[in-house]
């Protein structure tokens, strides 16, 4: 059984268990590629969309949990088991501006799995990280240093404005929804440069490496271009009189 088949089986097991036992079942944090597999199963009818919801702890989170269950069937709702932790320097004047890798490395040094950690948002010398609920007390007790900075960890119920995900709204008019055509319009790069991006394996759609520029972009797809950024195709908003396609995109900033 390959990796994708294993992921599909895990989703099917949780979906069936939620229905059989009349209780909500949750994954840990999923990558974009995992979420793409789940969405494929929903589109193909293997899983009923009414039985699945996603949350990463805040709007725009890239890594998200899936919850299997149906409030109309169960008669109640259950919150996602996600906690937001704020990591701050013990002494602000000695705090470093640390990177995502610094925070993630220190968290994983506590011998916890990657899929128990969601997005990490950084603003100045502070960071906010989403984690699975069961690990929050241990992290607050055990995490006391990130790189060379002594830190304190506390729970919070929201992200401050400066740490929230922000978007730049973009409208594109393209002759085709091919990935290479969309990227050319987004970046303003020449065709030869776009071909090079695919050849250098710098393009990812829904977390999956894409090397074929003819791959189609659809509403709901997330596309990452290493060295440029990440965008979400929000919707396909019709066509122009000349038959070109209008795409509404959101660039993460």
Protein backbone atom coordinates (compact mmCIF):
# COMPACT_ATOMS: atom_id res chain seq x y z
CA UNK A 1 0.00 0.00 0.00
CA UNK A 2 1.53 3.33 -1.07
CA UNK A 3 1.48 6.52 1.00
CA UNK A 4 -1.61 8.02 -0.62
CA UNK A 5 -3.56 4.79 -0.18
CA UNK A 6 -2.58 4.76 3.51
CA UNK A 7 -3.83 8.35 3.91
CA UNK A 8 -7.11 7.47 2.18
CA UNK A 9 -7.59 4.45 4.45
CA UNK A 10 -7.03 6.60 7.54
CA UNK A 11 -9.64 9.12 6.39
CA UNK A 12 -12.11 6.36 5.53
CA UNK A 13 -11.61 4.72 8.93
CA UNK A 14 -12.30 8.00 10.78
CA UNK A 15 -15.31 8.78 8.60
CA UNK A 16 -16.82 5.33 9.15
CA UNK A 17 -16.04 5.38 12.87
CA UNK A 18 -17.76 8.75 13.33
CA UNK A 19 -20.87 7.44 11.59
CA UNK A 20 -20.89 4.07 13.37
CA UNK A 21 -20.20 5.37 16.90
CA UNK A 22 -22.12 8.67 16.57
CA UNK A 23 -19.15 10.69 17.83
CA UNK A 24 -16.75 13.20 16.37
CA UNK A 25 -13.37 11.90 15.19
CA UNK A 26 -10.37 14.15 14.56
CA UNK A 27 -7.10 13.93 12.70
CA UNK A 28 -3.97 15.69 13.90
CA UNK A 29 -2.74 18.58 11.73
CA UNK A 30 -2.74 17.78 8.02
CA UNK A 31 -0.39 19.10 5.36
CA UNK A 32 -1.71 20.70 2.17
CA UNK A 33 -1.03 17.43 0.35
CA UNK A 34 -3.08 15.46 2.92
CA UNK A 35 -5.96 17.95 2.64
CA UNK A 36 -5.82 17.63 -1.15
CA UNK A 37 -6.28 13.84 -0.84
CA UNK A 38 -9.26 14.38 1.47
CA UNK A 39 -10.82 16.86 -0.96
CA UNK A 40 -10.35 14.36 -3.80
CA UNK A 41 -12.22 11.75 -1.74
CA UNK A 42 -15.06 14.21 -1.15
CA UNK A 43 -15.27 15.13 -4.85
CA UNK A 44 -15.36 11.46 -5.85
CA UNK A 45 -18.15 10.70 -3.38
CA UNK A 46 -16.08 8.41 -1.13
CA UNK A 47 -16.74 10.78 1.79
CA UNK A 48 -19.84 12.95 2.28
CA UNK A 49 -18.82 16.62 2.45
CA UNK A 50 -21.48 17.20 5.12
CA UNK A 51 -19.45 15.01 7.48
CA UNK A 52 -16.15 16.88 7.18
CA UNK A 53 -14.96 20.26 8.45
CA UNK A 54 -11.48 21.76 8.70
CA UNK A 55 -9.78 24.16 11.11
CA UNK A 56 -6.22 25.25 11.76
CA UNK A 57 -6.99 27.36 14.81
CA UNK A 58 -7.27 30.67 12.94
CA UNK A 59 -8.37 31.98 9.55
CA UNK A 60 -5.94 31.28 6.73
CA UNK A 61 -4.01 28.53 8.51
CA UNK A 62 -2.15 26.26 6.10
CA UNK A 63 -1.97 23.17 8.32
CA UNK A 64 -5.43 22.09 9.48
CA UNK A 65 -7.22 19.35 11.39
CA UNK A 66 -10.14 17.46 9.88
CA UNK A 67 -13.21 16.75 11.99
CA UNK A 68 -15.50 13.90 10.94
CA UNK A 69 -19.08 14.13 12.18
CA UNK A 70 -22.43 15.71 11.39
CA UNK A 71 -24.09 18.12 13.81
CA UNK A 72 -27.54 17.54 12.29
CA UNK A 73 -27.18 13.78 12.85
CA UNK A 74 -25.57 13.99 16.30
CA UNK A 75 -27.55 16.88 17.73
CA UNK A 76 -24.49 18.63 19.15
CA UNK A 77 -21.18 20.12 18.06
CA UNK A 78 -17.67 19.58 19.41
CA UNK A 79 -14.80 22.05 19.28
CA UNK A 80 -11.55 21.20 17.52
CA UNK A 81 -8.91 20.06 20.05
CA UNK A 82 -6.55 22.91 19.15
CA UNK A 83 -4.73 25.25 21.51
CA UNK A 84 -2.85 28.44 20.58
CA UNK A 85 0.37 28.97 22.52
CA UNK A 86 2.27 32.26 22.67
CA UNK A 87 6.06 31.98 22.95
CA UNK A 88 7.80 35.07 24.33
CA UNK A 89 11.33 35.91 25.48
CA UNK A 90 11.71 35.92 29.27
CA UNK A 91 13.49 39.27 28.92
CA UNK A 92 12.27 41.30 25.97
CA UNK A 93 15.54 43.25 25.57
CA UNK A 94 17.47 40.00 25.06
CA UNK A 95 14.94 38.47 22.66
CA UNK A 96 16.13 37.44 19.19
CA UNK A 97 14.09 37.64 16.01
CA UNK A 98 13.87 33.90 15.51
CA UNK A 99 12.83 32.00 12.39
CA UNK A 100 10.07 29.47 11.76
CA UNK A 101 12.78 26.78 11.66
CA UNK A 102 14.09 27.86 15.09
CA UNK A 103 10.67 27.52 16.73
CA UNK A 104 9.79 24.28 14.97
CA UNK A 105 13.14 22.72 15.80
CA UNK A 106 12.82 23.56 19.49
CA UNK A 107 9.29 22.14 19.61
CA UNK A 108 10.25 18.90 17.90
CA UNK A 109 13.24 18.57 20.23
CA UNK A 110 10.61 17.84 22.90
CA UNK A 111 10.09 14.49 21.10
CA UNK A 112 6.70 15.34 19.66
CA UNK A 113 5.53 14.47 16.15
CA UNK A 114 5.34 17.04 13.34
CA UNK A 115 1.64 16.45 12.79
CA UNK A 116 0.84 17.58 16.34
CA UNK A 117 2.05 21.09 15.44
CA UNK A 118 0.03 23.43 13.23
CA UNK A 119 1.03 26.79 11.81
CA UNK A 120 3.60 29.01 13.50
CA UNK A 121 3.07 32.76 13.15
CA UNK A 122 5.87 35.17 14.07
CA UNK A 123 5.79 38.88 14.88
CA UNK A 124 9.01 40.46 16.12
CA UNK A 125 10.42 38.48 19.04
CA UNK A 126 7.16 36.62 19.72
CA UNK A 127 5.55 33.58 18.10
CA UNK A 128 2.13 31.94 18.19
CA UNK A 129 1.85 28.23 17.50
CA UNK A 130 -1.18 25.97 17.18
CA UNK A 131 -0.80 22.55 18.80
CA UNK A 132 -3.02 19.59 19.59
CA UNK A 133 -4.80 20.11 22.88
CA UNK A 134 -3.30 17.09 24.66
CA UNK A 135 0.26 18.41 24.29
CA UNK A 136 -0.31 22.03 25.33
CA UNK A 137 0.38 21.54 29.09
CA UNK A 138 3.62 19.66 28.42
CA UNK A 139 4.88 22.28 25.95
CA UNK A 140 4.10 25.12 28.37
CA UNK A 141 6.08 23.33 31.06
CA UNK A 142 9.01 21.98 29.04
CA UNK A 143 9.79 24.57 26.34
CA UNK A 144 12.13 27.07 27.96
CA UNK A 145 14.62 27.96 25.21
CA UNK A 146 14.53 28.64 21.47
CA UNK A 147 18.00 28.80 19.97
CA UNK A 148 19.81 31.09 22.49
CA UNK A 149 16.73 32.84 23.85
CA UNK A 150 15.08 31.83 27.12
CA UNK A 151 11.34 31.81 26.62
CA UNK A 152 8.06 31.52 28.47
CA UNK A 153 5.01 29.81 26.95
CA UNK A 154 1.40 30.67 27.74
CA UNK A 155 -1.97 29.81 26.27
CA UNK A 156 -4.03 32.42 24.42
CA UNK A 157 -7.33 32.33 22.59
CA UNK A 158 -6.46 34.44 19.56
CA UNK A 159 -3.73 35.86 17.34
CA UNK A 160 -2.94 39.57 17.56
CA UNK A 161 -3.47 41.56 14.39
CA UNK A 162 0.25 41.70 13.60
CA UNK A 163 0.47 37.89 13.53
CA UNK A 164 -2.70 37.22 11.52
CA UNK A 165 -2.56 35.90 7.97
CA UNK A 166 -3.11 38.72 5.50
CA UNK A 167 -4.03 38.50 1.83
CA UNK A 168 -3.55 40.63 -1.24
CA UNK A 169 -6.53 40.33 -3.60
CA UNK A 170 -5.49 39.69 -7.21
CA UNK A 171 -7.64 39.38 -10.33
CA UNK A 172 -6.07 37.60 -13.28
CA UNK A 173 -7.26 37.28 -16.85
CA UNK A 174 -5.68 34.26 -18.52
CA UNK A 175 -6.15 32.49 -21.83
CA UNK A 176 -6.02 29.14 -20.02
CA UNK A 177 -6.10 27.96 -16.39
CA UNK A 178 -2.84 26.08 -16.95
CA UNK A 179 -0.37 26.46 -14.10
CA UNK A 180 2.33 27.94 -16.36
CA UNK A 181 -0.08 30.56 -17.74
CA UNK A 182 -1.31 31.52 -14.28
CA UNK A 183 2.24 31.80 -12.89
CA UNK A 184 3.33 33.91 -15.86
CA UNK A 185 0.54 36.40 -15.12
CA UNK A 186 1.20 36.36 -11.37
CA UNK A 187 4.94 36.92 -11.59
CA UNK A 188 5.21 38.84 -14.87
CA UNK A 189 7.99 36.46 -15.91
CA UNK A 190 8.94 35.34 -19.40
CA UNK A 191 7.96 31.87 -20.65
CA UNK A 192 11.56 30.64 -20.39
CA UNK A 193 11.67 31.66 -16.72
CA UNK A 194 8.40 29.82 -15.99
CA UNK A 195 9.73 26.65 -17.63
CA UNK A 196 12.79 26.93 -15.40
CA UNK A 197 10.60 27.09 -12.25
CA UNK A 198 9.03 23.74 -13.12
CA UNK A 199 12.36 22.22 -14.10
CA UNK A 200 13.90 23.30 -10.78
CA UNK A 201 10.95 21.73 -8.90
CA UNK A 202 9.86 25.01 -7.30
CA UNK A 203 6.10 24.76 -7.98
CA UNK A 204 3.65 23.02 -5.63
CA UNK A 205 -0.12 22.75 -5.99
CA UNK A 206 -2.06 21.70 -2.89
CA UNK A 207 1.23 20.69 -1.32
CA UNK A 208 2.22 18.38 -4.19
CA UNK A 209 5.25 18.93 -6.40
CA UNK A 210 4.19 19.79 -9.96
CA UNK A 211 6.61 19.54 -12.89
CA UNK A 212 4.08 19.78 -15.71
CA UNK A 213 3.16 23.34 -16.62
CA UNK A 214 -0.06 22.19 -18.28
CA UNK A 215 -1.58 21.20 -14.91
CA UNK A 216 -4.91 23.01 -14.52
CA UNK A 217 -5.63 25.40 -11.65
CA UNK A 218 -9.15 25.19 -10.21
CA UNK A 219 -11.09 27.14 -7.58
CA UNK A 220 -9.90 26.11 -4.11
CA UNK A 221 -6.39 25.18 -5.24
CA UNK A 222 -3.41 26.50 -3.30
CA UNK A 223 -0.20 27.11 -5.23
CA UNK A 224 3.26 27.70 -3.75
CA UNK A 225 6.17 29.01 -5.81
CA UNK A 226 9.44 28.79 -3.93
CA UNK A 227 11.17 32.13 -3.91
CA UNK A 228 7.96 34.00 -4.77
CA UNK A 229 5.18 33.03 -2.34
CA UNK A 230 1.84 31.28 -1.99
CA UNK A 231 -1.54 32.03 -3.55
CA UNK A 232 -5.03 30.63 -3.27
CA UNK A 233 -7.33 30.44 -6.27
CA UNK A 234 -10.46 31.83 -4.63
CA UNK A 235 -12.84 31.43 -7.55
CA UNK A 236 -13.18 31.27 -11.31
CA UNK A 237 -15.33 34.32 -12.01
CA UNK A 238 -16.46 33.72 -15.58
CA UNK A 239 -15.00 34.72 -18.93
CA UNK A 240 -14.31 37.87 -20.89
CA UNK A 241 -15.93 38.57 -24.27
CA UNK A 242 -12.84 37.15 -25.92
CA UNK A 243 -13.20 33.90 -24.01
CA UNK A 244 -10.38 34.49 -21.54
CA UNK A 245 -10.86 33.20 -17.99
CA UNK A 246 -11.16 35.53 -14.99
CA UNK A 247 -9.58 34.19 -11.80
CA UNK A 248 -9.81 35.76 -8.35
CA UNK A 249 -6.66 34.96 -6.38
CA UNK A 250 -5.43 35.68 -2.85
CA UNK A 251 -1.70 36.11 -2.28
CA UNK A 252 -0.53 35.35 1.25
CA UNK A 253 1.57 38.22 2.65
